[in-house]
Protein backbone atom coordinates (compact mmCIF):
# COMPACT_ATOMS: atom_id res chain seq x y z
CA MET A 1 91.01 211.38 -43.87
CA ALA A 2 88.38 212.04 -41.03
CA LYS A 3 90.22 215.08 -39.73
CA ARG A 4 89.83 216.59 -43.19
CA ASN A 5 86.23 215.78 -43.70
CA LYS A 6 85.58 217.56 -40.27
CA ILE A 7 87.57 220.57 -41.25
CA ILE A 8 85.72 220.80 -44.58
CA LEU A 9 82.17 220.41 -42.77
CA LEU A 10 83.27 223.10 -40.22
CA ILE A 11 84.35 225.46 -43.02
CA ALA A 12 80.99 224.81 -45.00
CA ALA A 13 78.89 225.32 -41.73
CA PHE A 14 80.69 228.55 -41.24
CA GLY A 15 80.12 229.61 -44.76
CA CYS A 16 76.45 228.76 -44.41
CA PHE A 17 76.20 230.95 -41.08
CA ILE A 18 77.80 233.81 -42.82
CA ALA A 19 75.49 233.57 -45.79
CA ILE A 20 72.23 233.44 -43.47
CA MET A 21 73.65 236.43 -41.42
CA LEU A 22 74.06 238.56 -44.66
CA TYR A 23 70.76 237.42 -45.96
CA THR A 24 68.90 238.44 -43.03
CA SER A 25 70.87 241.70 -42.30
CA THR A 26 70.00 242.93 -45.93
CA SER A 27 66.64 241.54 -45.83
CA PRO A 28 63.57 243.78 -46.84
CA GLN A 29 61.89 242.63 -43.78
CA LYS A 30 63.55 245.30 -41.60
CA THR A 31 62.43 248.00 -44.33
CA VAL A 32 58.85 246.50 -44.15
CA ASP A 33 58.83 246.64 -40.35
CA ASN A 34 60.18 250.26 -40.24
CA ILE A 35 57.42 251.26 -42.71
CA LYS A 36 54.73 249.60 -40.65
CA ARG A 37 55.88 251.49 -37.62
CA GLY A 38 54.40 254.69 -36.75
CA TYR A 39 55.38 257.48 -34.42
CA SER A 40 54.99 261.29 -33.76
CA GLY A 41 56.60 263.82 -31.39
CA ILE A 42 58.24 267.01 -30.77
CA VAL A 43 61.95 267.06 -31.41
CA VAL A 44 63.96 267.87 -28.38
CA SER A 45 67.65 267.50 -29.76
CA LYS A 46 69.64 266.34 -32.70
CA GLN A 47 73.26 265.34 -33.08
CA GLN A 48 75.47 263.97 -35.86
CA ILE A 49 76.16 260.34 -35.17
CA ALA A 50 79.97 260.16 -35.96
CA GLU A 51 82.46 262.11 -38.09
CA ARG A 52 82.90 259.24 -40.39
CA LYS A 53 79.13 258.96 -40.82
CA SER A 54 78.41 262.57 -41.43
CA HIS A 55 75.36 261.72 -43.64
CA LEU A 56 73.52 260.44 -40.64
CA THR A 57 71.85 262.54 -37.81
CA ASP A 58 70.12 261.18 -34.75
CA ILE A 59 67.02 263.06 -33.93
CA TYR A 60 65.68 262.72 -30.33
CA PHE A 61 61.94 263.44 -29.77
CA LYS A 62 59.37 262.89 -27.08
CA ASP A 63 56.39 260.78 -28.18
CA ASP A 64 53.64 260.95 -25.39
CA GLY A 65 56.34 261.87 -22.93
CA VAL A 66 58.58 258.93 -23.93
CA ASN A 67 62.06 259.78 -25.23
CA MET A 68 62.69 258.29 -28.60
CA SER A 69 65.34 258.45 -31.17
CA GLU A 70 65.51 257.97 -35.03
CA VAL A 71 68.35 258.23 -37.45
CA PHE A 72 67.77 260.36 -40.48
CA ARG A 73 69.84 260.55 -43.67
CA GLN A 74 71.76 263.73 -44.95
CA GLY A 75 69.35 266.44 -46.04
CA LEU A 76 66.73 266.03 -43.39
CA ASP A 77 69.08 267.12 -40.71
CA SER A 78 69.17 270.56 -42.21
CA VAL A 79 65.25 270.71 -42.14
CA ILE A 80 64.48 269.15 -38.69
CA GLU A 81 64.99 271.59 -35.94
CA VAL A 82 64.31 271.43 -32.10
CA GLY A 83 60.77 272.24 -31.47
CA ASP A 84 59.38 270.85 -34.80
CA SER A 85 56.65 268.18 -34.67
CA ILE A 86 57.69 265.01 -36.56
CA ILE A 87 55.01 262.42 -37.68
CA LYS A 88 55.60 259.09 -39.28
CA PRO A 89 52.18 257.38 -39.91
CA LYS A 90 51.91 253.57 -39.51
CA ASN A 91 52.12 251.83 -42.85
CA ASP A 92 53.11 254.98 -44.77
CA ASN A 93 56.49 255.77 -46.40
CA TYR A 94 56.27 259.44 -45.78
CA LEU A 95 57.65 261.47 -42.88
CA TYR A 96 55.98 264.93 -42.14
CA ILE A 97 57.70 267.74 -40.40
CA ILE A 98 55.48 270.49 -38.95
CA LYS A 99 57.28 273.81 -37.98
CA PRO A 100 56.00 275.77 -34.93
CA GLY A 101 54.47 278.30 -37.36
CA GLY A 102 52.27 275.49 -38.93
CA THR A 103 54.30 274.91 -42.20
CA LYS A 104 54.11 271.26 -43.14
CA GLU A 105 56.80 269.40 -45.06
CA THR A 106 56.60 265.96 -46.56
CA PHE A 107 59.57 263.63 -47.13
CA ILE A 108 60.21 260.16 -48.29
CA TYR A 109 60.80 257.94 -45.22
CA THR A 110 62.92 255.34 -46.77
CA TYR A 111 64.17 254.54 -50.38
CA ILE A 112 63.14 251.20 -51.79
CA SER A 113 65.30 249.16 -54.11
CA GLU A 114 63.69 247.28 -56.99
CA SER A 115 65.10 243.96 -55.48
CA TYR A 116 63.05 244.68 -52.15
CA ARG A 117 60.00 245.26 -54.07
CA ASN A 118 60.39 242.03 -55.99
CA ASP A 119 61.33 240.06 -52.75
CA PHE A 120 58.61 237.56 -51.53
CA ARG A 121 58.60 239.29 -48.08
CA TRP A 122 57.58 242.52 -49.55
CA PRO A 123 53.83 243.07 -49.20
CA ASP A 124 51.90 242.74 -52.49
CA LYS A 125 49.72 245.73 -51.69
CA TRP A 126 52.99 247.93 -51.58
CA LYS A 127 54.55 246.61 -54.78
CA GLU A 128 53.43 249.69 -56.87
CA LYS A 129 53.17 252.14 -53.94
CA TRP A 130 55.51 255.02 -53.49
CA PRO A 131 57.15 255.01 -56.85
CA GLU A 132 59.02 258.13 -56.08
CA ALA A 133 60.90 256.14 -53.41
CA SER A 134 62.14 253.72 -55.85
CA ARG A 135 65.95 253.36 -56.34
């Protein structure tokens, strides 16, 4: 009987561990942190991440001389070119691409699900902000 209880307890603990891992990995906190983060730089190279993830492109750029990398969804990879300026302001859900000729294009940085907007970790001041980014 004691051995059976230990096995049940072990299975329950493992289940709780998996639930916590899934909860934190899909947490809106990561999206909040990404929106809060800002950067700018000049694109130095870009590459497709992997054949099976053809919708993602890794863009490399220099921000104040520091090499940085950001992964972008399909659509932006065809717009962003080497030599473009890339600007992601802090606390903003927009990304700006400025071409060498001065043309400025605006994109949604990340799409936000309704469940994220309603989560207690989502900032109240952002609840109604960026409606065009809602999914």
